[in-house]
């Protein structure tokens, strides 16, 4: 099982930016699809963005044009660059490395967008 650690969350004003990192262990990181999910209080966990082994990306409509997912296989890290942040983006953000059918999940990192 892959070990996953998210980082980069914090408090930011509306319109601001954050870059989240998802660092993973193991020898096969480069072949795995990786997702970013988020979960706000009282809401279900929702898919934010996905990146494939060859770098193809998909985004939820609510972040399209604002967020960018990327990966650096040499560093075994996936990033989520978040721009033009809104209060509705406030959530715990989780990284899922698809190393098995249930995924490999980190502990999450809190993002709070507030004035």
N, C-alpha and C. Protein backbone atom coordinates (compact mmCIF):
# COMPACT_ATOMS: atom_id res chain seq x y z
N UNK A 1 0.82 -1.18 0.00
CA UNK A 1 0.00 0.00 0.00
C UNK A 1 0.87 1.26 0.00
N UNK A 2 0.47 2.22 -0.81
CA UNK A 2 1.20 3.47 -0.93
C UNK A 2 0.87 4.38 0.25
N UNK A 3 1.90 5.04 0.79
CA UNK A 3 1.71 6.03 1.84
C UNK A 3 1.57 7.40 1.19
N UNK A 4 0.60 8.19 1.66
CA UNK A 4 0.26 9.47 1.04
C UNK A 4 0.20 10.55 2.10
N UNK A 5 0.79 11.69 1.82
CA UNK A 5 0.77 12.84 2.72
C UNK A 5 0.41 14.09 1.94
N UNK A 6 -0.67 14.76 2.34
CA UNK A 6 -1.06 16.04 1.75
C UNK A 6 -0.50 17.19 2.59
N UNK A 7 -0.21 18.29 1.93
CA UNK A 7 0.26 19.48 2.62
C UNK A 7 -0.08 20.71 1.79
N UNK A 8 0.09 21.88 2.38
CA UNK A 8 -0.08 23.14 1.67
C UNK A 8 -1.35 23.90 1.97
N UNK A 9 -2.23 23.32 2.75
CA UNK A 9 -3.46 24.02 3.10
C UNK A 9 -3.20 25.17 4.05
N UNK A 10 -4.25 25.96 4.26
CA UNK A 10 -4.15 27.09 5.16
C UNK A 10 -5.31 28.03 5.00
N UNK A 11 -5.18 29.20 5.59
CA UNK A 11 -6.19 30.24 5.53
C UNK A 11 -5.82 31.26 4.46
N UNK A 12 -6.76 31.56 3.58
CA UNK A 12 -6.51 32.50 2.50
C UNK A 12 -7.76 33.34 2.28
N UNK A 13 -7.58 34.58 1.83
CA UNK A 13 -8.70 35.46 1.53
C UNK A 13 -9.33 35.10 0.19
N UNK A 14 -10.62 35.42 0.01
CA UNK A 14 -11.23 35.21 -1.29
C UNK A 14 -10.42 35.87 -2.40
N UNK A 15 -10.27 35.16 -3.52
CA UNK A 15 -9.45 35.63 -4.61
C UNK A 15 -7.99 35.23 -4.52
N UNK A 16 -7.59 34.68 -3.40
CA UNK A 16 -6.22 34.28 -3.21
C UNK A 16 -5.91 32.92 -3.80
N UNK A 17 -4.67 32.47 -3.57
CA UNK A 17 -4.18 31.22 -4.15
C UNK A 17 -3.49 30.36 -3.10
N UNK A 18 -3.53 29.06 -3.33
CA UNK A 18 -2.78 28.08 -2.56
C UNK A 18 -2.32 26.99 -3.51
N UNK A 19 -1.21 26.35 -3.17
CA UNK A 19 -0.77 25.16 -3.88
C UNK A 19 -0.68 24.00 -2.91
N UNK A 20 -1.50 22.98 -3.15
CA UNK A 20 -1.48 21.78 -2.35
C UNK A 20 -0.52 20.76 -2.95
N UNK A 21 0.10 19.96 -2.09
CA UNK A 21 1.00 18.91 -2.52
C UNK A 21 0.52 17.57 -2.00
N UNK A 22 0.70 16.54 -2.79
CA UNK A 22 0.39 15.16 -2.43
C UNK A 22 1.64 14.34 -2.69
N UNK A 23 2.33 13.97 -1.62
CA UNK A 23 3.56 13.21 -1.73
C UNK A 23 3.29 11.75 -1.44
N UNK A 24 3.80 10.86 -2.27
CA UNK A 24 3.53 9.43 -2.16
C UNK A 24 4.82 8.63 -2.10
N UNK A 25 4.71 7.44 -1.53
CA UNK A 25 5.83 6.51 -1.46
C UNK A 25 5.68 5.45 -2.55
N UNK A 26 6.70 4.59 -2.67
CA UNK A 26 6.61 3.44 -3.56
C UNK A 26 7.35 3.60 -4.86
N UNK A 27 7.52 2.48 -5.54
CA UNK A 27 8.30 2.44 -6.78
C UNK A 27 7.47 2.61 -8.04
N UNK A 28 6.15 2.60 -7.92
CA UNK A 28 5.29 2.59 -9.10
C UNK A 28 4.41 3.83 -9.21
N UNK A 29 4.82 4.92 -8.56
CA UNK A 29 4.00 6.13 -8.55
C UNK A 29 3.64 6.60 -9.95
N UNK A 30 4.57 6.50 -10.87
CA UNK A 30 4.39 7.07 -12.20
C UNK A 30 3.25 6.42 -12.99
N UNK A 31 2.84 5.21 -12.64
CA UNK A 31 1.78 4.53 -13.38
C UNK A 31 0.40 4.76 -12.80
N UNK A 32 0.31 5.40 -11.64
CA UNK A 32 -0.97 5.54 -10.96
C UNK A 32 -1.72 6.80 -11.37
N UNK A 33 -3.03 6.65 -11.54
CA UNK A 33 -3.91 7.80 -11.61
C UNK A 33 -4.04 8.39 -10.21
N UNK A 34 -4.08 9.71 -10.11
CA UNK A 34 -4.19 10.39 -8.83
C UNK A 34 -5.34 11.39 -8.88
N UNK A 35 -6.13 11.41 -7.82
CA UNK A 35 -7.26 12.31 -7.69
C UNK A 35 -7.08 13.24 -6.51
N UNK A 36 -7.65 14.44 -6.62
CA UNK A 36 -7.89 15.30 -5.47
C UNK A 36 -9.39 15.33 -5.20
N UNK A 37 -9.75 15.08 -3.96
CA UNK A 37 -11.12 15.20 -3.47
C UNK A 37 -11.18 16.28 -2.41
N UNK A 38 -12.38 16.73 -2.12
CA UNK A 38 -12.56 17.63 -0.98
C UNK A 38 -13.86 17.31 -0.27
N UNK A 39 -13.92 17.65 1.00
CA UNK A 39 -15.12 17.45 1.79
C UNK A 39 -15.32 18.64 2.71
N UNK A 40 -16.44 19.33 2.52
CA UNK A 40 -16.81 20.45 3.36
C UNK A 40 -17.73 19.97 4.46
N UNK A 41 -17.83 20.71 5.57
CA UNK A 41 -18.73 20.30 6.66
C UNK A 41 -20.16 20.11 6.17
N UNK A 42 -20.75 18.98 6.53
CA UNK A 42 -22.12 18.69 6.17
C UNK A 42 -22.34 18.26 4.74
N UNK A 43 -21.27 18.08 3.98
CA UNK A 43 -21.39 17.68 2.58
C UNK A 43 -20.65 16.37 2.34
N UNK A 44 -21.02 15.70 1.26
CA UNK A 44 -20.33 14.50 0.85
C UNK A 44 -18.98 14.85 0.22
N UNK A 45 -18.08 13.89 0.25
CA UNK A 45 -16.81 14.07 -0.42
C UNK A 45 -17.04 14.15 -1.93
N UNK A 46 -16.36 15.10 -2.59
CA UNK A 46 -16.55 15.30 -4.01
C UNK A 46 -15.21 15.33 -4.74
N UNK A 47 -15.23 14.82 -5.94
CA UNK A 47 -14.03 14.79 -6.77
C UNK A 47 -13.75 16.18 -7.32
N UNK A 48 -12.51 16.63 -7.19
CA UNK A 48 -12.10 17.95 -7.65
C UNK A 48 -11.35 17.88 -8.97
N UNK A 49 -10.36 16.99 -9.05
CA UNK A 49 -9.51 16.90 -10.24
C UNK A 49 -8.84 15.55 -10.29
N UNK A 50 -8.44 15.14 -11.49
CA UNK A 50 -7.78 13.86 -11.72
C UNK A 50 -6.64 14.05 -12.70
N UNK A 51 -5.56 13.33 -12.49
CA UNK A 51 -4.46 13.30 -13.45
C UNK A 51 -4.05 11.86 -13.68
N UNK A 52 -3.84 11.50 -14.94
CA UNK A 52 -3.49 10.14 -15.31
C UNK A 52 -1.98 9.94 -15.32
N UNK A 53 -1.57 8.71 -15.63
CA UNK A 53 -0.15 8.39 -15.67
C UNK A 53 0.60 9.15 -16.76
N UNK A 54 -0.10 9.56 -17.81
CA UNK A 54 0.54 10.30 -18.89
C UNK A 54 0.27 11.80 -18.81
N UNK A 55 -0.37 12.24 -17.74
CA UNK A 55 -0.56 13.66 -17.53
C UNK A 55 -1.86 14.24 -18.04
N UNK A 56 -2.78 13.41 -18.52
CA UNK A 56 -4.09 13.91 -18.90
C UNK A 56 -4.86 14.33 -17.66
N UNK A 57 -5.65 15.38 -17.77
CA UNK A 57 -6.33 15.94 -16.61
C UNK A 57 -7.83 16.07 -16.84
N UNK A 58 -8.57 16.01 -15.74
CA UNK A 58 -10.00 16.26 -15.72
C UNK A 58 -10.32 17.07 -14.48
N UNK A 59 -11.32 17.95 -14.59
CA UNK A 59 -11.70 18.84 -13.50
C UNK A 59 -13.20 18.85 -13.31
N UNK A 60 -13.60 18.99 -12.06
CA UNK A 60 -14.99 19.26 -11.78
C UNK A 60 -15.36 20.64 -12.32
N UNK A 61 -16.62 20.80 -12.71
CA UNK A 61 -17.06 22.07 -13.28
C UNK A 61 -16.84 23.24 -12.32
N UNK A 62 -16.96 23.00 -11.03
CA UNK A 62 -16.89 24.10 -10.08
C UNK A 62 -15.48 24.62 -9.85
N UNK A 63 -14.46 23.94 -10.41
CA UNK A 63 -13.09 24.44 -10.30
C UNK A 63 -12.45 24.70 -11.66
N UNK A 64 -13.11 24.34 -12.72
CA UNK A 64 -12.54 24.48 -14.06
C UNK A 64 -12.17 25.93 -14.34
N UNK A 65 -10.95 26.13 -14.82
CA UNK A 65 -10.46 27.47 -15.09
C UNK A 65 -9.79 28.14 -13.91
N UNK A 66 -9.94 27.58 -12.73
CA UNK A 66 -9.33 28.14 -11.52
C UNK A 66 -8.24 27.25 -10.94
N UNK A 67 -8.43 25.94 -11.01
CA UNK A 67 -7.49 24.98 -10.42
C UNK A 67 -6.72 24.26 -11.52
N UNK A 68 -5.49 23.88 -11.21
CA UNK A 68 -4.66 23.11 -12.12
C UNK A 68 -4.01 21.96 -11.37
N UNK A 69 -4.19 20.74 -11.85
CA UNK A 69 -3.54 19.57 -11.29
C UNK A 69 -2.33 19.22 -12.15
N UNK A 70 -1.23 18.85 -11.50
CA UNK A 70 -0.02 18.48 -12.21
C UNK A 70 0.73 17.43 -11.41
N UNK A 71 1.73 16.81 -12.04
CA UNK A 71 2.50 15.81 -11.31
C UNK A 71 3.97 15.90 -11.66
N UNK A 72 4.80 15.53 -10.70
CA UNK A 72 6.23 15.43 -10.87
C UNK A 72 6.61 14.03 -10.41
N UNK A 73 6.76 13.12 -11.36
CA UNK A 73 6.99 11.72 -11.01
C UNK A 73 8.35 11.51 -10.34
N UNK A 74 9.34 12.33 -10.68
CA UNK A 74 10.64 12.21 -10.05
C UNK A 74 10.55 12.50 -8.55
N UNK A 75 9.64 13.40 -8.17
CA UNK A 75 9.42 13.72 -6.77
C UNK A 75 8.29 12.92 -6.14
N UNK A 76 7.64 12.07 -6.93
CA UNK A 76 6.48 11.28 -6.48
C UNK A 76 5.45 12.19 -5.84
N UNK A 77 5.15 13.29 -6.50
CA UNK A 77 4.27 14.30 -5.96
C UNK A 77 3.28 14.78 -7.01
N UNK A 78 2.04 14.97 -6.58
CA UNK A 78 1.00 15.61 -7.39
C UNK A 78 0.62 16.92 -6.71
N UNK A 79 0.40 17.95 -7.52
CA UNK A 79 0.08 19.26 -7.01
C UNK A 79 -1.33 19.67 -7.43
N UNK A 80 -1.93 20.53 -6.64
CA UNK A 80 -3.17 21.19 -7.01
C UNK A 80 -2.98 22.68 -6.79
N UNK A 81 -2.80 23.41 -7.88
CA UNK A 81 -2.69 24.86 -7.82
C UNK A 81 -4.09 25.44 -7.83
N UNK A 82 -4.43 26.19 -6.80
CA UNK A 82 -5.77 26.73 -6.63
C UNK A 82 -5.70 28.25 -6.67
N UNK A 83 -6.32 28.83 -7.68
CA UNK A 83 -6.37 30.27 -7.85
C UNK A 83 -7.80 30.77 -7.75
N UNK A 84 -7.95 32.07 -7.57
CA UNK A 84 -9.27 32.69 -7.49
C UNK A 84 -10.18 31.96 -6.50
N UNK A 85 -9.65 31.71 -5.33
CA UNK A 85 -10.37 30.90 -4.35
C UNK A 85 -11.61 31.62 -3.84
N UNK A 86 -12.64 30.82 -3.59
CA UNK A 86 -13.92 31.29 -3.12
C UNK A 86 -14.21 30.69 -1.75
N UNK A 87 -15.06 31.33 -0.95
CA UNK A 87 -15.44 30.72 0.33
C UNK A 87 -15.99 29.30 0.19
N UNK A 88 -16.68 29.01 -0.91
CA UNK A 88 -17.22 27.67 -1.12
C UNK A 88 -16.14 26.62 -1.35
N UNK A 89 -14.91 27.04 -1.58
CA UNK A 89 -13.80 26.10 -1.70
C UNK A 89 -13.30 25.60 -0.36
N UNK A 90 -13.81 26.17 0.72
CA UNK A 90 -13.40 25.75 2.06
C UNK A 90 -13.77 24.29 2.28
N UNK A 91 -12.78 23.48 2.63
CA UNK A 91 -12.97 22.04 2.79
C UNK A 91 -11.66 21.42 3.24
N UNK A 92 -11.74 20.16 3.63
CA UNK A 92 -10.55 19.35 3.78
C UNK A 92 -10.28 18.70 2.42
N UNK A 93 -9.07 18.86 1.93
CA UNK A 93 -8.69 18.33 0.63
C UNK A 93 -7.87 17.06 0.81
N UNK A 94 -8.27 16.01 0.09
CA UNK A 94 -7.64 14.70 0.19
C UNK A 94 -7.07 14.27 -1.15
N UNK A 95 -5.96 13.60 -1.09
CA UNK A 95 -5.34 13.01 -2.26
C UNK A 95 -5.59 11.51 -2.28
N UNK A 96 -5.95 10.97 -3.44
CA UNK A 96 -6.16 9.55 -3.62
C UNK A 96 -5.24 9.04 -4.73
N UNK A 97 -4.30 8.19 -4.36
CA UNK A 97 -3.44 7.53 -5.33
C UNK A 97 -4.05 6.17 -5.62
N UNK A 98 -4.37 5.92 -6.88
CA UNK A 98 -5.12 4.71 -7.24
C UNK A 98 -4.19 3.50 -7.41
N UNK A 99 -3.54 3.15 -6.32
CA UNK A 99 -2.64 2.02 -6.29
C UNK A 99 -3.36 0.70 -6.03
N UNK A 100 -4.63 0.75 -5.66
CA UNK A 100 -5.47 -0.42 -5.42
C UNK A 100 -6.91 0.02 -5.60
N UNK A 101 -7.87 -0.95 -5.64
CA UNK A 101 -9.26 -0.55 -5.92
C UNK A 101 -9.87 0.43 -4.93
N UNK A 102 -9.43 0.43 -3.68
CA UNK A 102 -9.95 1.36 -2.68
C UNK A 102 -9.14 2.65 -2.60
N UNK A 103 -8.04 2.70 -3.29
CA UNK A 103 -7.19 3.87 -3.27
C UNK A 103 -6.27 3.91 -2.07
N UNK A 104 -5.30 4.79 -2.14
CA UNK A 104 -4.42 5.09 -1.02
C UNK A 104 -4.61 6.56 -0.69
N UNK A 105 -5.08 6.82 0.53
CA UNK A 105 -5.52 8.16 0.94
C UNK A 105 -4.60 8.75 1.99
N UNK A 106 -4.43 10.05 1.93
CA UNK A 106 -3.72 10.77 2.97
C UNK A 106 -4.65 11.23 4.07
N UNK A 107 -4.09 12.01 4.99
CA UNK A 107 -4.84 12.49 6.15
C UNK A 107 -5.69 13.73 5.84
N UNK A 108 -5.43 14.36 4.72
CA UNK A 108 -6.13 15.57 4.33
C UNK A 108 -5.42 16.82 4.79
N UNK A 109 -5.70 17.92 4.10
CA UNK A 109 -5.18 19.22 4.48
C UNK A 109 -6.30 20.25 4.40
N UNK A 110 -6.43 21.06 5.44
CA UNK A 110 -7.54 22.00 5.55
C UNK A 110 -7.27 23.25 4.72
N UNK A 111 -8.25 23.61 3.91
CA UNK A 111 -8.24 24.87 3.17
C UNK A 111 -9.42 25.70 3.66
N UNK A 112 -9.13 26.91 4.11
CA UNK A 112 -10.18 27.82 4.57
C UNK A 112 -10.07 29.12 3.80
N UNK A 113 -11.14 29.49 3.13
CA UNK A 113 -11.19 30.73 2.34
C UNK A 113 -12.17 31.66 3.03
N UNK A 114 -11.65 32.72 3.60
CA UNK A 114 -12.48 33.61 4.40
C UNK A 114 -11.83 34.98 4.48
N UNK A 115 -12.65 36.01 4.52
CA UNK A 115 -12.18 37.36 4.73
C UNK A 115 -12.17 37.73 6.21
